[in-house]
Amino acid sequence: MSEDQNDTGARRRPLLQAPAIQALFLFFIGLVAANVVDVLAQRAGLSPFSPLQTSLLHGVIAALLARLRRMAAWWWFILLVFPAAALGVGRLQLPPWLFLAVFLFMLVLFWSTFRSQVPFYPSGLPAWNAVAELLPQGRPVRFMDIGSGLGGAVLNLSRRRPESEFTGIEIAPLPWLVSRARAALAGNHCRFVRGDYLLLDFADYDVVFAYLSPAAMVALWQKARAEMRPGSLLLSYEFHIPGAPPDVVVQPEGGGPVLHGWRM
């Protein structure tokens, strides 16, 4: 199978394989199982479970199922504590509109994180300084920040290199709007587009910078190898690519995660 075919498969990953969807199924299986255990216990002459006992059992079952599915450790923790946490929040008798407001805010902030497995990761000045040191000198550069968030990296680097072209792409609506507003208020000529970076052609850029998540690194590498031109540079903050030793490793001044670089 070619790299292009592998990349296409990564783009079209079935929705039901998304960890968030799997966790949702395990959550409901745990709920049913906890209630079945409660019924069986009562038939054996034991007292009915309290809501807290049912919630704790629900969480334990769901977390064990996630462990058997070999899901990431944070899913075990979420499934373990969520039933009891939901019970506690329910007892606070908060107004229903508050839950809707929180849901809508999280939706526009994280958008398709459940599918892409790339949460909101802000980088920061130490990372931007390290990236700036690796940008080609003496000529204009076409730079793309994939998953640009609130736009900090693109805005900062474009101020340092006004002769170059800096673009950020972000799929979540709220961070994209914030980055557009920041650029307009600052009078900065960098660009922010809303969309999925998997639909970009990496051949259009000299440097591609990513701060994604471990789950996205293999697909990113396949796309970079298939599309990036010789002499271009792929940068990843914090997360390395399995089986692909980096050509450049930079520890940003001031601490923080490592910046990895691969020359195409």
Protein backbone atom coordinates (compact mmCIF):
# COMPACT_ATOMS: atom_id res chain seq x y z
CA MET A 1 0.00 0.00 0.00
CA SER A 2 1.35 3.45 -0.90
CA GLU A 3 1.91 6.31 1.55
CA ASP A 4 -0.88 8.26 -0.17
CA GLN A 5 -3.28 5.39 0.49
CA ASN A 6 -2.16 5.20 4.12
CA ASP A 7 -2.71 8.93 4.50
CA THR A 8 -6.16 8.71 2.95
CA GLY A 9 -7.05 5.94 5.38
CA ALA A 10 -5.94 8.11 8.29
CA ARG A 11 -8.15 10.93 7.05
CA ARG A 12 -11.20 8.69 6.69
CA ARG A 13 -10.97 6.90 9.97
CA PRO A 14 -14.40 5.50 10.81
CA LEU A 15 -16.29 7.56 13.35
CA LEU A 16 -17.05 4.51 15.50
CA GLN A 17 -13.31 3.97 16.00
CA ALA A 18 -12.89 7.37 17.64
CA PRO A 19 -11.87 6.91 21.31
CA ALA A 20 -14.58 9.30 22.51
CA ILE A 21 -17.27 7.21 20.80
CA GLN A 22 -15.82 4.01 22.22
CA ALA A 23 -15.74 5.59 25.68
CA LEU A 24 -19.39 6.57 25.31
CA PHE A 25 -20.34 2.97 24.50
CA LEU A 26 -18.35 1.69 27.49
CA PHE A 27 -20.03 4.28 29.69
CA PHE A 28 -23.49 2.95 28.82
CA ILE A 29 -22.37 -0.68 29.12
CA GLY A 30 -21.04 0.12 32.59
CA LEU A 31 -24.34 1.76 33.52
CA VAL A 32 -26.35 -1.28 32.43
CA ALA A 33 -23.94 -3.67 34.15
CA ALA A 34 -24.05 -1.74 37.43
CA ASN A 35 -27.84 -1.86 37.49
CA VAL A 36 -27.84 -5.58 36.64
CA VAL A 37 -25.48 -6.24 39.56
CA ASP A 38 -27.80 -4.21 41.80
CA VAL A 39 -30.82 -6.31 40.75
CA LEU A 40 -28.92 -9.58 41.26
CA ALA A 41 -27.76 -8.42 44.68
CA GLN A 42 -31.33 -7.66 45.73
CA ARG A 43 -32.48 -11.09 44.54
CA ALA A 44 -29.74 -12.57 46.71
CA GLY A 45 -31.29 -10.83 49.73
CA LEU A 46 -28.97 -7.82 49.92
CA SER A 47 -30.08 -4.22 50.34
CA PRO A 48 -30.50 -2.09 47.21
CA PHE A 49 -27.47 -0.05 46.23
CA SER A 50 -27.52 3.63 47.03
CA PRO A 51 -27.12 6.07 44.10
CA LEU A 52 -23.52 6.68 45.16
CA GLN A 53 -22.76 2.96 45.33
CA THR A 54 -24.29 2.45 41.88
CA SER A 55 -22.27 5.36 40.48
CA LEU A 56 -19.02 4.05 41.93
CA LEU A 57 -19.68 0.56 40.59
CA HIS A 58 -20.64 2.05 37.23
CA GLY A 59 -17.31 3.90 37.07
CA VAL A 60 -15.25 0.88 38.07
CA ILE A 61 -16.87 -1.35 35.44
CA ALA A 62 -16.51 1.24 32.68
CA ALA A 63 -12.86 1.89 33.59
CA LEU A 64 -12.07 -1.85 33.60
CA LEU A 65 -13.66 -2.21 30.17
CA ALA A 66 -11.54 0.69 28.90
CA ARG A 67 -8.47 -1.07 30.30
CA LEU A 68 -9.43 -4.26 28.48
CA ARG A 69 -9.86 -2.23 25.28
CA ARG A 70 -6.33 -0.85 25.84
CA MET A 71 -7.55 2.71 25.69
CA ALA A 72 -5.32 5.56 26.85
CA ALA A 73 -4.99 5.92 30.63
CA TRP A 74 -6.89 9.21 30.77
CA TRP A 75 -10.00 7.44 29.45
CA TRP A 76 -9.84 5.00 32.36
CA PHE A 77 -9.73 7.92 34.75
CA ILE A 78 -12.56 9.81 33.04
CA LEU A 79 -14.82 6.75 33.00
CA LEU A 80 -13.96 5.95 36.61
CA VAL A 81 -14.83 9.35 38.09
CA PHE A 82 -17.49 10.67 35.71
CA PRO A 83 -20.55 8.77 37.10
CA ALA A 84 -19.91 9.88 40.69
CA ALA A 85 -19.04 13.41 39.54
CA ALA A 86 -22.26 13.62 37.51
CA LEU A 87 -24.24 12.48 40.57
CA GLY A 88 -22.60 15.20 42.67
CA VAL A 89 -23.28 17.92 40.10
CA GLY A 90 -26.89 16.77 39.82
CA ARG A 91 -27.37 17.31 43.54
CA LEU A 92 -26.26 20.93 43.22
CA GLN A 93 -29.55 21.68 41.40
CA LEU A 94 -27.89 24.01 38.90
CA PRO A 95 -30.13 25.67 36.26
CA PRO A 96 -30.45 23.64 33.03
CA TRP A 97 -29.32 26.54 30.81
CA LEU A 98 -25.92 26.48 32.52
CA PHE A 99 -25.22 22.97 31.24
CA LEU A 100 -26.20 24.02 27.71
CA ALA A 101 -23.95 27.08 27.90
CA VAL A 102 -20.97 25.03 29.08
CA PHE A 103 -21.62 22.44 26.36
CA LEU A 104 -21.78 25.06 23.61
CA PHE A 105 -18.60 26.75 24.86
CA MET A 106 -16.71 23.46 24.93
CA LEU A 107 -18.07 22.59 21.49
CA VAL A 108 -16.77 25.74 19.79
CA LEU A 109 -13.47 25.50 21.70
CA PHE A 110 -12.64 21.86 21.03
CA TRP A 111 -14.94 21.08 18.07
CA SER A 112 -13.78 17.77 16.55
CA THR A 113 -11.30 16.76 19.25
CA PHE A 114 -13.33 13.59 19.84
CA ARG A 115 -12.41 12.52 16.29
CA SER A 116 -8.98 14.02 15.75
CA GLN A 117 -7.67 13.26 19.29
CA VAL A 118 -5.92 16.64 19.20
CA PRO A 119 -6.98 18.73 22.22
CA PHE A 120 -6.28 22.43 22.70
CA TYR A 121 -2.54 22.69 23.44
CA PRO A 122 -1.15 26.25 23.73
CA SER A 123 2.61 26.42 23.14
CA GLY A 124 4.16 29.64 24.49
CA LEU A 125 7.09 32.02 24.06
CA PRO A 126 9.90 29.48 24.72
CA ALA A 127 8.60 27.33 21.87
CA TRP A 128 8.22 30.33 19.53
CA ASN A 129 11.78 31.43 20.26
CA ALA A 130 13.06 27.95 19.43
CA VAL A 131 11.07 27.85 16.18
CA ALA A 132 12.35 31.30 15.19
CA GLU A 133 15.95 30.07 15.53
CA LEU A 134 15.27 27.24 13.07
CA LEU A 135 13.58 29.28 10.35
CA PRO A 136 15.67 29.59 7.17
CA GLN A 137 17.57 32.89 7.06
CA GLY A 138 18.25 35.29 4.22
CA ARG A 139 15.07 34.65 2.25
CA PRO A 140 11.28 34.81 2.67
CA VAL A 141 9.73 31.74 4.27
CA ARG A 142 6.30 30.21 3.83
CA PHE A 143 5.30 28.95 7.27
CA MET A 144 2.23 26.95 8.34
CA ASP A 145 1.13 26.32 11.93
CA ILE A 146 -1.28 23.39 11.92
CA GLY A 147 -3.67 23.54 14.84
CA SER A 148 -2.83 27.20 15.41
CA GLY A 149 -5.18 27.66 18.37
CA LEU A 150 -5.41 31.28 19.47
CA GLY A 151 -2.75 32.30 16.95
CA GLY A 152 0.09 33.15 19.32
CA ALA A 153 2.87 31.41 17.36
CA VAL A 154 1.86 32.84 13.98
CA LEU A 155 1.41 36.38 15.33
CA ASN A 156 4.72 36.33 17.18
CA LEU A 157 6.80 34.88 14.35
CA SER A 158 5.25 37.09 11.68
CA ARG A 159 6.28 40.18 13.67
CA ARG A 160 9.87 38.93 13.68
CA ARG A 161 9.93 38.04 9.99
CA PRO A 162 7.66 40.56 8.20
CA GLU A 163 9.09 39.61 4.80
CA SER A 164 7.77 36.05 5.16
CA GLU A 165 4.31 34.50 4.83
CA PHE A 166 2.83 33.05 8.02
CA THR A 167 -0.42 31.09 8.07
CA GLY A 168 -2.29 29.24 10.78
CA ILE A 169 -5.01 26.65 10.29
CA GLU A 170 -7.47 25.75 13.06
CA ILE A 171 -10.56 23.57 12.87
CA ALA A 172 -12.28 24.78 16.08
CA PRO A 173 -14.43 27.92 15.52
CA LEU A 174 -13.73 29.82 18.74
CA PRO A 175 -9.89 29.75 18.64
CA TRP A 176 -10.01 30.58 14.93
CA LEU A 177 -12.23 33.62 15.56
CA VAL A 178 -9.99 34.78 18.40
CA SER A 179 -6.87 34.48 16.23
CA ARG A 180 -8.53 36.42 13.38
CA ALA A 181 -9.55 39.16 15.81
CA ARG A 182 -6.05 39.35 17.32
CA ALA A 183 -4.48 39.72 13.88
CA ALA A 184 -6.95 42.43 12.86
CA LEU A 185 -6.45 44.42 16.08
CA ALA A 186 -2.68 44.19 15.75
CA GLY A 187 -2.70 45.14 12.06
CA ASN A 188 -0.80 41.94 11.35
CA HIS A 189 -0.84 40.58 7.79
CA CYS A 190 -0.55 36.93 8.76
CA ARG A 191 -3.40 34.64 7.72
CA PHE A 192 -5.69 32.38 9.71
CA VAL A 193 -7.90 29.87 7.95
CA ARG A 194 -10.47 27.52 9.41
CA GLY A 195 -10.27 23.93 8.28
CA ASP A 196 -8.66 20.52 8.57
CA TYR A 197 -4.90 20.51 8.02
CA LEU A 198 -5.16 17.05 6.43
CA LEU A 199 -6.75 18.76 3.43
CA LEU A 200 -3.77 21.12 2.97
CA ASP A 201 -0.99 20.51 0.49
CA PHE A 202 2.21 20.65 2.55
CA ALA A 203 4.17 21.26 -0.67
CA ASP A 204 3.09 24.91 -0.45
CA TYR A 205 5.19 25.56 2.68
CA ASP A 206 8.85 25.72 3.60
CA VAL A 207 8.21 25.06 7.30
CA VAL A 208 5.30 23.19 8.89
CA PHE A 209 4.96 23.53 12.66
CA ALA A 210 2.73 21.25 14.73
CA TYR A 211 1.73 20.97 18.36
CA LEU A 212 -0.78 18.14 18.13
CA SER A 213 -0.88 14.94 20.20
CA PRO A 214 0.76 11.51 20.13
CA ALA A 215 -2.31 10.06 18.40
CA ALA A 216 -1.83 12.31 15.34
CA MET A 217 1.91 11.95 14.76
CA VAL A 218 1.97 8.90 12.46
CA ALA A 219 -0.57 10.41 10.07
CA LEU A 220 1.30 13.73 10.16
CA TRP A 221 4.56 12.00 9.24
CA GLN A 222 2.96 10.09 6.37
CA LYS A 223 1.50 13.30 4.98
CA ALA A 224 4.76 15.22 5.39
CA ARG A 225 6.82 12.55 3.63
CA ALA A 226 4.34 12.35 0.77
CA GLU A 227 3.94 16.09 0.19
CA MET A 228 6.74 18.25 1.60
CA ARG A 229 9.43 19.36 -0.83
CA PRO A 230 13.14 18.52 -0.44
CA GLY A 231 14.80 21.03 1.85
CA SER A 232 11.62 21.87 3.75
CA LEU A 233 11.32 21.43 7.52
CA LEU A 234 8.73 19.71 9.70
CA LEU A 235 8.66 20.85 13.34
CA SER A 236 6.80 19.21 16.21
CA TYR A 237 6.69 20.67 19.69
CA GLU A 238 6.81 18.08 22.49
CA PHE A 239 5.61 15.05 20.52
CA HIS A 240 8.02 12.88 18.52
CA ILE A 241 7.24 10.63 15.56
CA PRO A 242 7.53 6.91 16.37
CA GLY A 243 10.29 5.27 14.34
CA ALA A 244 11.53 8.54 12.81
CA PRO A 245 14.57 9.97 14.65
CA PRO A 246 14.56 13.77 14.38
CA ASP A 247 17.33 15.65 12.60
CA VAL A 248 17.09 18.52 15.08
CA VAL A 249 16.27 18.49 18.80
CA VAL A 250 16.07 21.82 20.62
CA GLN A 251 15.45 22.38 24.32
CA PRO A 252 13.80 25.83 24.49
CA GLU A 253 15.38 28.32 26.85
CA GLY A 254 13.29 28.69 29.96
CA GLY A 255 12.32 25.04 30.05
CA GLY A 256 9.32 23.24 28.72
CA PRO A 257 8.91 20.44 26.16
CA VAL A 258 11.46 19.73 23.44
CA LEU A 259 11.13 20.93 19.84
CA HIS A 260 11.77 18.19 17.25
CA GLY A 261 12.66 18.85 13.61
CA TRP A 262 12.85 16.68 10.48
CA ARG A 263 14.46 17.89 7.26
CA MET A 264 12.74 16.52 4.19
